[in-house]
């Protein structure tokens, strides 16, 4: 908590508009139940892991 007290800026304001839009889209998808399980994601991206 001490570290948080010393923060002077909000990280949200420091990221790009594209990053903000991507995060907001992810939140919308999660709220709509459009999620993939961890095992499905691992299967999709296994060749890069």
PDB file of N, CA and C in Angstrom:
ATOM      1  N   UNK A   1       0.823  -1.194   0.000  1.00  0.00           N
ATOM      2  CA  UNK A   1       0.000   0.000   0.000  1.00  0.00           C
ATOM      3  C   UNK A   1       0.864   1.254   0.000  1.00  0.00           C
ATOM      4  N   UNK A   2       2.034   1.167   0.617  1.00  0.00           N
ATOM      5  CA  UNK A   2       2.918   2.339   0.638  1.00  0.00           C
ATOM      6  C   UNK A   2       3.302   2.743  -0.774  1.00  0.00           C
ATOM      7  N   UNK A   3       3.563   1.761  -1.638  1.00  0.00           N
ATOM      8  CA  UNK A   3       3.916   2.072  -3.021  1.00  0.00           C
ATOM      9  C   UNK A   3       2.766   2.773  -3.737  1.00  0.00           C
ATOM     10  N   UNK A   4       1.558   2.317  -3.501  1.00  0.00           N
ATOM     11  CA  UNK A   4       0.394   2.925  -4.139  1.00  0.00           C
ATOM     12  C   UNK A   4       0.200   4.373  -3.684  1.00  0.00           C
ATOM     13  N   UNK A   5       0.526   4.652  -2.444  1.00  0.00           N
ATOM     14  CA  UNK A   5       0.354   6.010  -1.926  1.00  0.00           C
ATOM     15  C   UNK A   5       1.280   6.989  -2.633  1.00  0.00           C
ATOM     16  N   UNK A   6       2.429   6.497  -3.121  1.00  0.00           N
ATOM     17  CA  UNK A   6       3.403   7.372  -3.764  1.00  0.00           C
ATOM     18  C   UNK A   6       3.151   7.558  -5.261  1.00  0.00           C
ATOM     19  N   UNK A   7       2.198   6.830  -5.815  1.00  0.00           N
ATOM     20  CA  UNK A   7       1.901   6.967  -7.236  1.00  0.00           C
ATOM     21  C   UNK A   7       1.255   8.329  -7.489  1.00  0.00           C
ATOM     22  N   UNK A   8       1.744   8.988  -8.519  1.00  0.00           N
ATOM     23  CA  UNK A   8       1.212  10.313  -8.830  1.00  0.00           C
ATOM     24  C   UNK A   8       0.416  10.326 -10.134  1.00  0.00           C
ATOM     25  N   UNK A   9       0.570   9.283 -10.948  1.00  0.00           N
ATOM     26  CA  UNK A   9      -0.168   9.235 -12.207  1.00  0.00           C
ATOM     27  C   UNK A   9      -0.946   7.929 -12.305  1.00  0.00           C
ATOM     28  N   UNK A  10      -1.974   7.968 -13.099  1.00  0.00           N
ATOM     29  CA  UNK A  10      -2.793   6.800 -13.351  1.00  0.00           C
ATOM     30  C   UNK A  10      -2.245   6.112 -14.599  1.00  0.00           C
ATOM     31  N   UNK A  11      -1.929   4.822 -14.514  1.00  0.00           N
ATOM     32  CA  UNK A  11      -1.348   4.102 -15.651  1.00  0.00           C
ATOM     33  C   UNK A  11      -2.255   4.159 -16.868  1.00  0.00           C
ATOM     34  N   UNK A  12      -3.560   4.267 -16.656  1.00  0.00           N
ATOM     35  CA  UNK A  12      -4.508   4.315 -17.769  1.00  0.00           C
ATOM     36  C   UNK A  12      -4.212   5.494 -18.685  1.00  0.00           C
ATOM     37  N   UNK A  13      -3.826   6.610 -18.095  1.00  0.00           N
ATOM     38  CA  UNK A  13      -3.525   7.810 -18.871  1.00  0.00           C
ATOM     39  C   UNK A  13      -2.191   7.703 -19.598  1.00  0.00           C
ATOM     40  N   UNK A  14      -1.369   6.741 -19.213  1.00  0.00           N
ATOM     41  CA  UNK A  14      -0.049   6.599 -19.819  1.00  0.00           C
ATOM     42  C   UNK A  14      -0.015   5.625 -20.986  1.00  0.00           C
ATOM     43  N   UNK A  15      -1.091   4.861 -21.197  1.00  0.00           N
ATOM     44  CA  UNK A  15      -1.113   3.926 -22.314  1.00  0.00           C
ATOM     45  C   UNK A  15      -1.814   4.565 -23.506  1.00  0.00           C
ATOM     46  N   UNK A  16      -1.566   4.005 -24.694  1.00  0.00           N
ATOM     47  CA  UNK A  16      -2.129   4.592 -25.911  1.00  0.00           C
ATOM     48  C   UNK A  16      -3.639   4.370 -25.989  1.00  0.00           C
ATOM     49  N   UNK A  17      -4.271   5.137 -26.859  1.00  0.00           N
ATOM     50  CA  UNK A  17      -5.719   5.000 -27.086  1.00  0.00           C
ATOM     51  C   UNK A  17      -6.032   3.604 -27.636  1.00  0.00           C
ATOM     52  N   UNK A  18      -5.121   3.054 -28.459  1.00  0.00           N
ATOM     53  CA  UNK A  18      -5.321   1.717 -29.002  1.00  0.00           C
ATOM     54  C   UNK A  18      -5.302   0.673 -27.892  1.00  0.00           C
ATOM     55  N   UNK A  19      -4.382   0.834 -26.946  1.00  0.00           N
ATOM     56  CA  UNK A  19      -4.311  -0.093 -25.812  1.00  0.00           C
ATOM     57  C   UNK A  19      -5.560   0.028 -24.946  1.00  0.00           C
ATOM     58  N   UNK A  20      -6.016   1.257 -24.726  1.00  0.00           N
ATOM     59  CA  UNK A  20      -7.235   1.462 -23.945  1.00  0.00           C
ATOM     60  C   UNK A  20      -8.426   0.788 -24.627  1.00  0.00           C
ATOM     61  N   UNK A  21      -8.539   0.960 -25.948  1.00  0.00           N
ATOM     62  CA  UNK A  21      -9.648   0.363 -26.690  1.00  0.00           C
ATOM     63  C   UNK A  21      -9.589  -1.161 -26.615  1.00  0.00           C
ATOM     64  N   UNK A  22      -8.390  -1.721 -26.696  1.00  0.00           N
ATOM     65  CA  UNK A  22      -8.232  -3.171 -26.627  1.00  0.00           C
ATOM     66  C   UNK A  22      -8.654  -3.700 -25.260  1.00  0.00           C
ATOM     67  N   UNK A  23      -8.278  -3.016 -24.211  1.00  0.00           N
ATOM     68  CA  UNK A  23      -8.661  -3.420 -22.854  1.00  0.00           C
ATOM     69  C   UNK A  23     -10.164  -3.323 -22.683  1.00  0.00           C
ATOM     70  N   UNK A  24     -10.751  -2.230 -23.152  1.00  0.00           N
ATOM     71  CA  UNK A  24     -12.200  -2.051 -23.036  1.00  0.00           C
ATOM     72  C   UNK A  24     -12.951  -3.127 -23.812  1.00  0.00           C
ATOM     73  N   UNK A  25     -12.453  -3.491 -25.004  1.00  0.00           N
ATOM     74  CA  UNK A  25     -13.082  -4.555 -25.785  1.00  0.00           C
ATOM     75  C   UNK A  25     -13.005  -5.882 -25.032  1.00  0.00           C
ATOM     76  N   UNK A  26     -11.859  -6.160 -24.414  1.00  0.00           N
ATOM     77  CA  UNK A  26     -11.713  -7.384 -23.638  1.00  0.00           C
ATOM     78  C   UNK A  26     -12.680  -7.442 -22.465  1.00  0.00           C
ATOM     79  N   UNK A  27     -12.869  -6.323 -21.802  1.00  0.00           N
ATOM     80  CA  UNK A  27     -13.807  -6.260 -20.680  1.00  0.00           C
ATOM     81  C   UNK A  27     -15.231  -6.492 -21.169  1.00  0.00           C
ATOM     82  N   UNK A  28     -15.589  -5.875 -22.303  1.00  0.00           N
ATOM     83  CA  UNK A  28     -16.924  -6.083 -22.873  1.00  0.00           C
ATOM     84  C   UNK A  28     -17.136  -7.559 -23.210  1.00  0.00           C
ATOM     85  N   UNK A  29     -16.150  -8.173 -23.854  1.00  0.00           N
ATOM     86  CA  UNK A  29     -16.265  -9.592 -24.208  1.00  0.00           C
ATOM     87  C   UNK A  29     -16.418 -10.455 -22.962  1.00  0.00           C
ATOM     88  N   UNK A  30     -15.664 -10.149 -21.925  1.00  0.00           N
ATOM     89  CA  UNK A  30     -15.757 -10.922 -20.681  1.00  0.00           C
ATOM     90  C   UNK A  30     -17.145 -10.763 -20.065  1.00  0.00           C
ATOM     91  N   UNK A  31     -17.663  -9.547 -20.076  1.00  0.00           N
ATOM     92  CA  UNK A  31     -19.001  -9.305 -19.526  1.00  0.00           C
ATOM     93  C   UNK A  31     -20.082 -10.039 -20.307  1.00  0.00           C
ATOM     94  N   UNK A  32     -19.838 -10.278 -21.596  1.00  0.00           N
ATOM     95  CA  UNK A  32     -20.796 -10.989 -22.440  1.00  0.00           C
ATOM     96  C   UNK A  32     -20.570 -12.501 -22.420  1.00  0.00           C
ATOM     97  N   UNK A  33     -19.574 -12.944 -21.658  1.00  0.00           N
ATOM     98  CA  UNK A  33     -19.290 -14.370 -21.564  1.00  0.00           C
ATOM     99  C   UNK A  33     -18.498 -14.913 -22.735  1.00  0.00           C
ATOM    100  N   UNK A  34     -17.925 -14.039 -23.528  1.00  0.00           N
ATOM    101  CA  UNK A  34     -17.135 -14.456 -24.685  1.00  0.00           C
ATOM    102  C   UNK A  34     -15.689 -14.692 -24.254  1.00  0.00           C
ATOM    103  N   UNK A  35     -15.488 -15.765 -23.517  1.00  0.00           N
ATOM    104  CA  UNK A  35     -14.164 -16.094 -22.998  1.00  0.00           C
ATOM    105  C   UNK A  35     -13.738 -17.466 -23.485  1.00  0.00           C
ATOM    106  N   UNK A  36     -12.434 -17.675 -23.574  1.00  0.00           N
ATOM    107  CA  UNK A  36     -11.879 -18.982 -23.873  1.00  0.00           C
ATOM    108  C   UNK A  36     -11.164 -19.500 -22.638  1.00  0.00           C
ATOM    109  N   UNK A  37     -11.214 -20.794 -22.456  1.00  0.00           N
ATOM    110  CA  UNK A  37     -10.530 -21.386 -21.315  1.00  0.00           C
ATOM    111  C   UNK A  37      -9.019 -21.338 -21.526  1.00  0.00           C
ATOM    112  N   UNK A  38      -8.295 -21.477 -20.438  1.00  0.00           N
ATOM    113  CA  UNK A  38      -6.834 -21.493 -20.502  1.00  0.00           C
ATOM    114  C   UNK A  38      -6.353 -22.649 -21.372  1.00  0.00           C
ATOM    115  N   UNK A  39      -6.971 -23.806 -21.239  1.00  0.00           N
ATOM    116  CA  UNK A  39      -6.540 -24.970 -22.020  1.00  0.00           C
ATOM    117  C   UNK A  39      -6.782 -24.743 -23.515  1.00  0.00           C
ATOM    118  N   UNK A  40      -7.873 -24.083 -23.887  1.00  0.00           N
ATOM    119  CA  UNK A  40      -8.126 -23.792 -25.299  1.00  0.00           C
ATOM    120  C   UNK A  40      -7.081 -22.809 -25.828  1.00  0.00           C
ATOM    121  N   UNK A  41      -6.744 -21.807 -25.041  1.00  0.00           N
ATOM    122  CA  UNK A  41      -5.722 -20.841 -25.448  1.00  0.00           C
ATOM    123  C   UNK A  41      -4.371 -21.529 -25.614  1.00  0.00           C
ATOM    124  N   UNK A  42      -4.038 -22.422 -24.700  1.00  0.00           N
ATOM    125  CA  UNK A  42      -2.765 -23.162 -24.819  1.00  0.00           C
ATOM    126  C   UNK A  42      -2.737 -23.985 -26.094  1.00  0.00           C
ATOM    127  N   UNK A  43      -3.854 -24.616 -26.425  1.00  0.00           N
ATOM    128  CA  UNK A  43      -3.912 -25.407 -27.651  1.00  0.00           C
ATOM    129  C   UNK A  43      -3.742 -24.526 -28.890  1.00  0.00           C
ATOM    130  N   UNK A  44      -4.372 -23.363 -28.882  1.00  0.00           N
ATOM    131  CA  UNK A  44      -4.267 -22.445 -30.021  1.00  0.00           C
ATOM    132  C   UNK A  44      -2.843 -21.926 -30.222  1.00  0.00           C
ATOM    133  N   UNK A  45      -2.154 -21.657 -29.114  1.00  0.00           N
ATOM    134  CA  UNK A  45      -0.849 -21.011 -29.188  1.00  0.00           C
ATOM    135  C   UNK A  45       0.300 -21.915 -28.775  1.00  0.00           C
ATOM    136  N   UNK A  46       0.039 -23.213 -28.747  1.00  0.00           N
ATOM    137  CA  UNK A  46       1.033 -24.180 -28.257  1.00  0.00           C
ATOM    138  C   UNK A  46       2.353 -24.095 -29.017  1.00  0.00           C
ATOM    139  N   UNK A  47       2.302 -23.873 -30.315  1.00  0.00           N
ATOM    140  CA  UNK A  47       3.531 -23.867 -31.098  1.00  0.00           C
ATOM    141  C   UNK A  47       4.450 -22.685 -30.745  1.00  0.00           C
ATOM    142  N   UNK A  48       3.889 -21.649 -30.107  1.00  0.00           N
ATOM    143  CA  UNK A  48       4.709 -20.498 -29.727  1.00  0.00           C
ATOM    144  C   UNK A  48       5.127 -20.534 -28.260  1.00  0.00           C
ATOM    145  N   UNK A  49       4.587 -21.476 -27.502  1.00  0.00           N
ATOM    146  CA  UNK A  49       4.910 -21.533 -26.070  1.00  0.00           C
ATOM    147  C   UNK A  49       6.134 -22.381 -25.814  1.00  0.00           C
TER     148      UNK A  49
END
